[in-house]
């Protein structure tokens, strides 16, 4: 299923991603932010279980900010996974 998440507190403004029926992250696209770094993150997490991505990226900070683009991806995935548990 495809999802869109609007980030807060980062240079990127939006993350589009897809999670398959087995909980595997299939595609990630950041809009805005540090293009090269975010391209790298997108490629590295592709094919990983969404829950593993959350555990690896959650809590990463960017400089003085309380969050980062990787942390925002973890937040987005965590919300989706929590919603799936409710359904």
PDB file of N, CA and C in Angstrom:
ATOM      1  N   UNK A   1       0.836  -1.165   0.000  1.00  0.00           N
ATOM      2  CA  UNK A   1       0.000   0.000   0.000  1.00  0.00           C
ATOM      3  C   UNK A   1       0.893   1.245   0.000  1.00  0.00           C
ATOM      4  N   UNK A   2       0.451   2.281  -0.672  1.00  0.00           N
ATOM      5  CA  UNK A   2       1.199   3.525  -0.772  1.00  0.00           C
ATOM      6  C   UNK A   2       0.713   4.524   0.273  1.00  0.00           C
ATOM      7  N   UNK A   3       1.671   5.275   0.823  1.00  0.00           N
ATOM      8  CA  UNK A   3       1.380   6.252   1.861  1.00  0.00           C
ATOM      9  C   UNK A   3       2.120   7.546   1.584  1.00  0.00           C
ATOM     10  N   UNK A   4       1.575   8.642   2.099  1.00  0.00           N
ATOM     11  CA  UNK A   4       2.229   9.952   2.065  1.00  0.00           C
ATOM     12  C   UNK A   4       2.253  10.479   3.488  1.00  0.00           C
ATOM     13  N   UNK A   5       3.410  10.991   3.889  1.00  0.00           N
ATOM     14  CA  UNK A   5       3.578  11.558   5.224  1.00  0.00           C
ATOM     15  C   UNK A   5       4.182  12.937   5.064  1.00  0.00           C
ATOM     16  N   UNK A   6       3.573  13.935   5.718  1.00  0.00           N
ATOM     17  CA  UNK A   6       4.077  15.308   5.682  1.00  0.00           C
ATOM     18  C   UNK A   6       4.934  15.521   6.922  1.00  0.00           C
ATOM     19  N   UNK A   7       6.202  15.795   6.694  1.00  0.00           N
ATOM     20  CA  UNK A   7       7.173  15.877   7.773  1.00  0.00           C
ATOM     21  C   UNK A   7       7.006  17.156   8.580  1.00  0.00           C
ATOM     22  N   UNK A   8       7.582  17.131   9.788  1.00  0.00           N
ATOM     23  CA  UNK A   8       7.565  18.294  10.668  1.00  0.00           C
ATOM     24  C   UNK A   8       8.967  18.492  11.224  1.00  0.00           C
ATOM     25  N   UNK A   9       9.475  19.704  11.132  1.00  0.00           N
ATOM     26  CA  UNK A   9      10.752  20.036  11.731  1.00  0.00           C
ATOM     27  C   UNK A   9      11.979  19.641  10.934  1.00  0.00           C
ATOM     28  N   UNK A  10      11.799  19.360   9.640  1.00  0.00           N
ATOM     29  CA  UNK A  10      12.930  18.970   8.800  1.00  0.00           C
ATOM     30  C   UNK A  10      12.931  19.783   7.507  1.00  0.00           C
ATOM     31  N   UNK A  11      14.038  19.709   6.792  1.00  0.00           N
ATOM     32  CA  UNK A  11      14.136  20.389   5.496  1.00  0.00           C
ATOM     33  C   UNK A  11      13.249  19.716   4.452  1.00  0.00           C
ATOM     34  N   UNK A  12      13.119  18.390   4.536  1.00  0.00           N
ATOM     35  CA  UNK A  12      12.204  17.716   3.618  1.00  0.00           C
ATOM     36  C   UNK A  12      10.780  18.027   4.063  1.00  0.00           C
ATOM     37  N   UNK A  13       9.861  18.051   3.122  1.00  0.00           N
ATOM     38  CA  UNK A  13       8.476  18.401   3.441  1.00  0.00           C
ATOM     39  C   UNK A  13       7.516  17.219   3.345  1.00  0.00           C
ATOM     40  N   UNK A  14       7.935  16.182   2.637  1.00  0.00           N
ATOM     41  CA  UNK A  14       7.025  15.062   2.392  1.00  0.00           C
ATOM     42  C   UNK A  14       7.824  13.797   2.142  1.00  0.00           C
ATOM     43  N   UNK A  15       7.243  12.661   2.578  1.00  0.00           N
ATOM     44  CA  UNK A  15       7.817  11.354   2.279  1.00  0.00           C
ATOM     45  C   UNK A  15       6.707  10.489   1.708  1.00  0.00           C
ATOM     46  N   UNK A  16       6.936   9.936   0.531  1.00  0.00           N
ATOM     47  CA  UNK A  16       6.031   8.936  -0.044  1.00  0.00           C
ATOM     48  C   UNK A  16       6.711   7.585   0.104  1.00  0.00           C
ATOM     49  N   UNK A  17       5.954   6.573   0.500  1.00  0.00           N
ATOM     50  CA  UNK A  17       6.536   5.247   0.656  1.00  0.00           C
ATOM     51  C   UNK A  17       5.484   4.179   0.426  1.00  0.00           C
ATOM     52  N   UNK A  18       5.968   2.980   0.173  1.00  0.00           N
ATOM     53  CA  UNK A  18       5.092   1.838  -0.081  1.00  0.00           C
ATOM     54  C   UNK A  18       5.542   0.671   0.787  1.00  0.00           C
ATOM     55  N   UNK A  19       4.563   0.038   1.422  1.00  0.00           N
ATOM     56  CA  UNK A  19       4.811  -1.150   2.236  1.00  0.00           C
ATOM     57  C   UNK A  19       3.983  -2.271   1.644  1.00  0.00           C
ATOM     58  N   UNK A  20       4.625  -3.417   1.383  1.00  0.00           N
ATOM     59  CA  UNK A  20       3.874  -4.537   0.805  1.00  0.00           C
ATOM     60  C   UNK A  20       3.121  -5.305   1.896  1.00  0.00           C
ATOM     61  N   UNK A  21       2.396  -6.341   1.488  1.00  0.00           N
ATOM     62  CA  UNK A  21       1.558  -7.115   2.411  1.00  0.00           C
ATOM     63  C   UNK A  21       2.348  -7.851   3.480  1.00  0.00           C
ATOM     64  N   UNK A  22       3.647  -8.010   3.279  1.00  0.00           N
ATOM     65  CA  UNK A  22       4.499  -8.703   4.240  1.00  0.00           C
ATOM     66  C   UNK A  22       5.225  -7.732   5.170  1.00  0.00           C
ATOM     67  N   UNK A  23       4.911  -6.433   5.063  1.00  0.00           N
ATOM     68  CA  UNK A  23       5.534  -5.438   5.916  1.00  0.00           C
ATOM     69  C   UNK A  23       6.900  -4.984   5.442  1.00  0.00           C
ATOM     70  N   UNK A  24       7.194  -5.230   4.159  1.00  0.00           N
ATOM     71  CA  UNK A  24       8.486  -4.853   3.578  1.00  0.00           C
ATOM     72  C   UNK A  24       8.354  -3.506   2.882  1.00  0.00           C
ATOM     73  N   UNK A  25       9.321  -2.636   3.155  1.00  0.00           N
ATOM     74  CA  UNK A  25       9.356  -1.322   2.536  1.00  0.00           C
ATOM     75  C   UNK A  25       9.843  -1.469   1.102  1.00  0.00           C
ATOM     76  N   UNK A  26       9.042  -1.070   0.146  1.00  0.00           N
ATOM     77  CA  UNK A  26       9.364  -1.267  -1.268  1.00  0.00           C
ATOM     78  C   UNK A  26       9.835  -0.006  -1.969  1.00  0.00           C
ATOM     79  N   UNK A  27       9.417   1.140  -1.519  1.00  0.00           N
ATOM     80  CA  UNK A  27       9.797   2.367  -2.212  1.00  0.00           C
ATOM     81  C   UNK A  27       9.732   3.517  -1.221  1.00  0.00           C
ATOM     82  N   UNK A  28      10.692   4.413  -1.272  1.00  0.00           N
ATOM     83  CA  UNK A  28      10.707   5.604  -0.418  1.00  0.00           C
ATOM     84  C   UNK A  28      11.175   6.783  -1.257  1.00  0.00           C
ATOM     85  N   UNK A  29      10.456   7.899  -1.162  1.00  0.00           N
ATOM     86  CA  UNK A  29      10.816   9.106  -1.894  1.00  0.00           C
ATOM     87  C   UNK A  29      10.634  10.305  -0.972  1.00  0.00           C
ATOM     88  N   UNK A  30      11.729  11.027  -0.720  1.00  0.00           N
ATOM     89  CA  UNK A  30      11.689  12.248   0.071  1.00  0.00           C
ATOM     90  C   UNK A  30      11.570  13.431  -0.875  1.00  0.00           C
ATOM     91  N   UNK A  31      10.860  14.466  -0.444  1.00  0.00           N
ATOM     92  CA  UNK A  31      10.740  15.705  -1.214  1.00  0.00           C
ATOM     93  C   UNK A  31      11.366  16.824  -0.404  1.00  0.00           C
ATOM     94  N   UNK A  32      12.358  17.493  -0.986  1.00  0.00           N
ATOM     95  CA  UNK A  32      13.104  18.522  -0.281  1.00  0.00           C
ATOM     96  C   UNK A  32      14.237  17.881   0.508  1.00  0.00           C
ATOM     97  N   UNK A  33      14.959  18.681   1.245  1.00  0.00           N
ATOM     98  CA  UNK A  33      16.041  18.156   2.070  1.00  0.00           C
ATOM     99  C   UNK A  33      17.318  17.925   1.280  1.00  0.00           C
ATOM    100  N   UNK A  34      18.246  17.215   1.885  1.00  0.00           N
ATOM    101  CA  UNK A  34      19.560  16.931   1.298  1.00  0.00           C
ATOM    102  C   UNK A  34      19.432  15.770   0.321  1.00  0.00           C
ATOM    103  N   UNK A  35      19.329  16.073  -0.938  1.00  0.00           N
ATOM    104  CA  UNK A  35      18.988  15.092  -1.961  1.00  0.00           C
ATOM    105  C   UNK A  35      19.873  13.847  -1.944  1.00  0.00           C
ATOM    106  N   UNK A  36      21.165  14.027  -1.912  1.00  0.00           N
ATOM    107  CA  UNK A  36      22.066  12.872  -1.946  1.00  0.00           C
ATOM    108  C   UNK A  36      21.902  11.974  -0.734  1.00  0.00           C
ATOM    109  N   UNK A  37      21.857  12.569   0.450  1.00  0.00           N
ATOM    110  CA  UNK A  37      21.699  11.783   1.668  1.00  0.00           C
ATOM    111  C   UNK A  37      20.359  11.047   1.686  1.00  0.00           C
ATOM    112  N   UNK A  38      19.311  11.729   1.269  1.00  0.00           N
ATOM    113  CA  UNK A  38      17.987  11.112   1.309  1.00  0.00           C
ATOM    114  C   UNK A  38      17.827  10.040   0.238  1.00  0.00           C
ATOM    115  N   UNK A  39      18.500  10.216  -0.880  1.00  0.00           N
ATOM    116  CA  UNK A  39      18.532   9.154  -1.891  1.00  0.00           C
ATOM    117  C   UNK A  39      19.204   7.918  -1.301  1.00  0.00           C
ATOM    118  N   UNK A  40      20.301   8.134  -0.597  1.00  0.00           N
ATOM    119  CA  UNK A  40      21.029   7.036   0.030  1.00  0.00           C
ATOM    120  C   UNK A  40      20.174   6.308   1.051  1.00  0.00           C
ATOM    121  N   UNK A  41      19.502   7.054   1.916  1.00  0.00           N
ATOM    122  CA  UNK A  41      18.623   6.430   2.907  1.00  0.00           C
ATOM    123  C   UNK A  41      17.537   5.622   2.210  1.00  0.00           C
ATOM    124  N   UNK A  42      16.940   6.192   1.182  1.00  0.00           N
ATOM    125  CA  UNK A  42      15.865   5.504   0.456  1.00  0.00           C
ATOM    126  C   UNK A  42      16.335   4.167  -0.103  1.00  0.00           C
ATOM    127  N   UNK A  43      17.522   4.141  -0.664  1.00  0.00           N
ATOM    128  CA  UNK A  43      18.058   2.904  -1.241  1.00  0.00           C
ATOM    129  C   UNK A  43      18.413   1.905  -0.146  1.00  0.00           C
ATOM    130  N   UNK A  44      18.989   2.382   0.945  1.00  0.00           N
ATOM    131  CA  UNK A  44      19.393   1.483   2.029  1.00  0.00           C
ATOM    132  C   UNK A  44      18.210   0.800   2.705  1.00  0.00           C
ATOM    133  N   UNK A  45      17.091   1.498   2.851  1.00  0.00           N
ATOM    134  CA  UNK A  45      15.951   0.903   3.563  1.00  0.00           C
ATOM    135  C   UNK A  45      15.051   0.067   2.651  1.00  0.00           C
ATOM    136  N   UNK A  46      15.186   0.221   1.349  1.00  0.00           N
ATOM    137  CA  UNK A  46      14.367  -0.550   0.415  1.00  0.00           C
ATOM    138  C   UNK A  46      14.615  -2.041   0.633  1.00  0.00           C
ATOM    139  N   UNK A  47      13.543  -2.801   0.790  1.00  0.00           N
ATOM    140  CA  UNK A  47      13.636  -4.247   0.989  1.00  0.00           C
ATOM    141  C   UNK A  47      13.709  -4.655   2.449  1.00  0.00           C
ATOM    142  N   UNK A  48      13.772  -3.678   3.358  1.00  0.00           N
ATOM    143  CA  UNK A  48      13.810  -3.981   4.790  1.00  0.00           C
ATOM    144  C   UNK A  48      12.393  -4.058   5.347  1.00  0.00           C
ATOM    145  N   UNK A  49      12.245  -4.787   6.444  1.00  0.00           N
ATOM    146  CA  UNK A  49      10.974  -4.784   7.152  1.00  0.00           C
ATOM    147  C   UNK A  49      10.768  -3.390   7.733  1.00  0.00           C
ATOM    148  N   UNK A  50       9.571  -2.869   7.601  1.00  0.00           N
ATOM    149  CA  UNK A  50       9.270  -1.528   8.095  1.00  0.00           C
ATOM    150  C   UNK A  50       9.582  -1.417   9.589  1.00  0.00           C
ATOM    151  N   UNK A  51       9.281  -2.444  10.347  1.00  0.00           N
ATOM    152  CA  UNK A  51       9.549  -2.420  11.792  1.00  0.00           C
ATOM    153  C   UNK A  51      11.045  -2.318  12.090  1.00  0.00           C
ATOM    154  N   UNK A  52      11.884  -2.943  11.265  1.00  0.00           N
ATOM    155  CA  UNK A  52      13.334  -2.844  11.441  1.00  0.00           C
ATOM    156  C   UNK A  52      13.831  -1.437  11.128  1.00  0.00           C
ATOM    157  N   UNK A  53      13.240  -0.812  10.121  1.00  0.00           N
ATOM    158  CA  UNK A  53      13.617   0.556   9.764  1.00  0.00           C
ATOM    159  C   UNK A  53      13.286   1.489  10.928  1.00  0.00           C
ATOM    160  N   UNK A  54      12.119   1.296  11.536  1.00  0.00           N
ATOM    161  CA  UNK A  54      11.732   2.127  12.680  1.00  0.00           C
ATOM    162  C   UNK A  54      12.763   1.995  13.792  1.00  0.00           C
ATOM    163  N   UNK A  55      13.131   0.767  14.131  1.00  0.00           N
ATOM    164  CA  UNK A  55      14.064   0.572  15.249  1.00  0.00           C
ATOM    165  C   UNK A  55      15.447   1.146  14.962  1.00  0.00           C
ATOM    166  N   UNK A  56      15.859   1.165  13.706  1.00  0.00           N
ATOM    167  CA  UNK A  56      17.179   1.691  13.356  1.00  0.00           C
ATOM    168  C   UNK A  56      17.214   3.222  13.254  1.00  0.00           C
ATOM    169  N   UNK A  57      16.139   3.834  12.777  1.00  0.00           N
ATOM    170  CA  UNK A  57      16.163   5.271  12.476  1.00  0.00           C
ATOM    171  C   UNK A  57      15.493   6.147  13.525  1.00  0.00           C
ATOM    172  N   UNK A  58      14.671   5.567  14.368  1.00  0.00           N
ATOM    173  CA  UNK A  58      13.946   6.331  15.378  1.00  0.00           C
ATOM    174  C   UNK A  58      14.899   7.055  16.315  1.00  0.00           C
ATOM    175  N   UNK A  59      14.651   8.334  16.525  1.00  0.00           N
ATOM    176  CA  UNK A  59      15.427   9.115  17.481  1.00  0.00           C
ATOM    177  C   UNK A  59      16.654   9.806  16.922  1.00  0.00           C
ATOM    178  N   UNK A  60      16.977   9.604  15.658  1.00  0.00           N
ATOM    179  CA  UNK A  60      18.125  10.295  15.059  1.00  0.00           C
ATOM    180  C   UNK A  60      17.790  11.784  14.962  1.00  0.00           C
ATOM    181  N   UNK A  61      18.746  12.601  15.351  1.00  0.00           N
ATOM    182  CA  UNK A  61      18.550  14.043  15.329  1.00  0.00           C
ATOM    183  C   UNK A  61      19.457  14.676  14.273  1.00  0.00           C
ATOM    184  N   UNK A  62      19.029  15.820  13.763  1.00  0.00           N
ATOM    185  CA  UNK A  62      19.810  16.580  12.790  1.00  0.00           C
ATOM    186  C   UNK A  62      20.269  17.866  13.461  1.00  0.00           C
ATOM    187  N   UNK A  63      21.547  17.925  13.790  1.00  0.00           N
ATOM    188  CA  UNK A  63      22.090  19.122  14.428  1.00  0.00           C
ATOM    189  C   UNK A  63      21.355  19.457  15.710  1.00  0.00           C
ATOM    190  N   UNK A  64      20.864  20.669  15.797  1.00  0.00           N
ATOM    191  CA  UNK A  64      20.166  21.155  16.984  1.00  0.00           C
ATOM    192  C   UNK A  64      18.683  20.793  17.000  1.00  0.00           C
ATOM    193  N   UNK A  65      18.194  20.221  15.914  1.00  0.00           N
ATOM    194  CA  UNK A  65      16.768  19.883  15.808  1.00  0.00           C
ATOM    195  C   UNK A  65      16.448  18.653  16.653  1.00  0.00           C
ATOM    196  N   UNK A  66      15.195  18.525  17.050  1.00  0.00           N
ATOM    197  CA  UNK A  66      14.745  17.375  17.828  1.00  0.00           C
ATOM    198  C   UNK A  66      14.415  16.170  16.958  1.00  0.00           C
ATOM    199  N   UNK A  67      14.544  16.316  15.652  1.00  0.00           N
ATOM    200  CA  UNK A  67      14.198  15.250  14.717  1.00  0.00           C
ATOM    201  C   UNK A  67      15.142  15.323  13.524  1.00  0.00           C
ATOM    202  N   UNK A  68      14.911  14.476  12.552  1.00  0.00           N
ATOM    203  CA  UNK A  68      15.693  14.442  11.312  1.00  0.00           C
ATOM    204  C   UNK A  68      14.826  13.787  10.246  1.00  0.00           C
ATOM    205  N   UNK A  69      15.297  13.793   9.023  1.00  0.00           N
ATOM    206  CA  UNK A  69      14.553  13.105   7.960  1.00  0.00           C
ATOM    207  C   UNK A  69      14.448  11.600   8.241  1.00  0.00           C
ATOM    208  N   UNK A  70      15.530  10.930   8.672  1.00  0.00           N
ATOM    209  CA  UNK A  70      15.386   9.517   9.014  1.00  0.00           C
ATOM    210  C   UNK A  70      14.396   9.296  10.164  1.00  0.00           C
ATOM    211  N   UNK A  71      14.422  10.159  11.164  1.00  0.00           N
ATOM    212  CA  UNK A  71      13.486  10.054  12.282  1.00  0.00           C
ATOM    213  C   UNK A  71      12.053  10.261  11.804  1.00  0.00           C
ATOM    214  N   UNK A  72      11.852  11.178  10.885  1.00  0.00           N
ATOM    215  CA  UNK A  72      10.510  11.404  10.348  1.00  0.00           C
ATOM    216  C   UNK A  72      10.017  10.187   9.566  1.00  0.00           C
ATOM    217  N   UNK A  73      10.905   9.530   8.841  1.00  0.00           N
ATOM    218  CA  UNK A  73      10.524   8.286   8.163  1.00  0.00           C
ATOM    219  C   UNK A  73      10.121   7.242   9.193  1.00  0.00           C
ATOM    220  N   UNK A  74      10.892   7.123  10.265  1.00  0.00           N
ATOM    221  CA  UNK A  74      10.550   6.170  11.334  1.00  0.00           C
ATOM    222  C   UNK A  74       9.188   6.503  11.933  1.00  0.00           C
ATOM    223  N   UNK A  75       8.912   7.784  12.161  1.00  0.00           N
ATOM    224  CA  UNK A  75       7.605   8.191  12.692  1.00  0.00           C
ATOM    225  C   UNK A  75       6.476   7.805  11.751  1.00  0.00           C
ATOM    226  N   UNK A  76       6.679   8.036  10.467  1.00  0.00           N
ATOM    227  CA  UNK A  76       5.657   7.703   9.476  1.00  0.00           C
ATOM    228  C   UNK A  76       5.385   6.201   9.459  1.00  0.00           C
ATOM    229  N   UNK A  77       6.447   5.416   9.440  1.00  0.00           N
ATOM    230  CA  UNK A  77       6.292   3.958   9.408  1.00  0.00           C
ATOM    231  C   UNK A  77       5.645   3.447  10.695  1.00  0.00           C
ATOM    232  N   UNK A  78       6.051   4.003  11.824  1.00  0.00           N
ATOM    233  CA  UNK A  78       5.481   3.593  13.107  1.00  0.00           C
ATOM    234  C   UNK A  78       3.975   3.848  13.129  1.00  0.00           C
ATOM    235  N   UNK A  79       3.550   4.983  12.624  1.00  0.00           N
ATOM    236  CA  UNK A  79       2.111   5.298  12.583  1.00  0.00           C
ATOM    237  C   UNK A  79       1.346   4.298  11.725  1.00  0.00           C
ATOM    238  N   UNK A  80       1.909   3.961  10.587  1.00  0.00           N
ATOM    239  CA  UNK A  80       1.255   2.996   9.704  1.00  0.00           C
ATOM    240  C   UNK A  80       1.165   1.636  10.394  1.00  0.00           C
ATOM    241  N   UNK A  81       2.259   1.204  11.002  1.00  0.00           N
ATOM    242  CA  UNK A  81       2.278  -0.097  11.664  1.00  0.00           C
ATOM    243  C   UNK A  81       1.303  -0.145  12.835  1.00  0.00           C
ATOM    244  N   UNK A  82       1.214   0.945  13.598  1.00  0.00           N
ATOM    245  CA  UNK A  82       0.261   1.007  14.707  1.00  0.00           C
ATOM    246  C   UNK A  82      -1.165   0.952  14.191  1.00  0.00           C
ATOM    247  N   UNK A  83      -1.442   1.637  13.091  1.00  0.00           N
ATOM    248  CA  UNK A  83      -2.790   1.630  12.503  1.00  0.00           C
ATOM    249  C   UNK A  83      -3.153   0.233  12.009  1.00  0.00           C
ATOM    250  N   UNK A  84      -2.198  -0.453  11.413  1.00  0.00           N
ATOM    251  CA  UNK A  84      -2.446  -1.803  10.916  1.00  0.00           C
ATOM    252  C   UNK A  84      -2.796  -2.755  12.051  1.00  0.00           C
ATOM    253  N   UNK A  85      -2.181  -2.565  13.224  1.00  0.00           N
ATOM    254  CA  UNK A  85      -2.495  -3.407  14.371  1.00  0.00           C
ATOM    255  C   UNK A  85      -3.932  -3.222  14.838  1.00  0.00           C
ATOM    256  N   UNK A  86      -4.445  -1.967  14.691  1.00  0.00           N
ATOM    257  CA  UNK A  86      -5.820  -1.659  15.110  1.00  0.00           C
ATOM    258  C   UNK A  86      -6.845  -2.247  14.151  1.00  0.00           C
ATOM    259  N   UNK A  87      -6.470  -2.336  12.885  1.00  0.00           N
ATOM    260  CA  UNK A  87      -7.427  -2.806  11.860  1.00  0.00           C
ATOM    261  C   UNK A  87      -7.641  -4.288  11.894  1.00  0.00           C
TER     262      UNK A  87
END
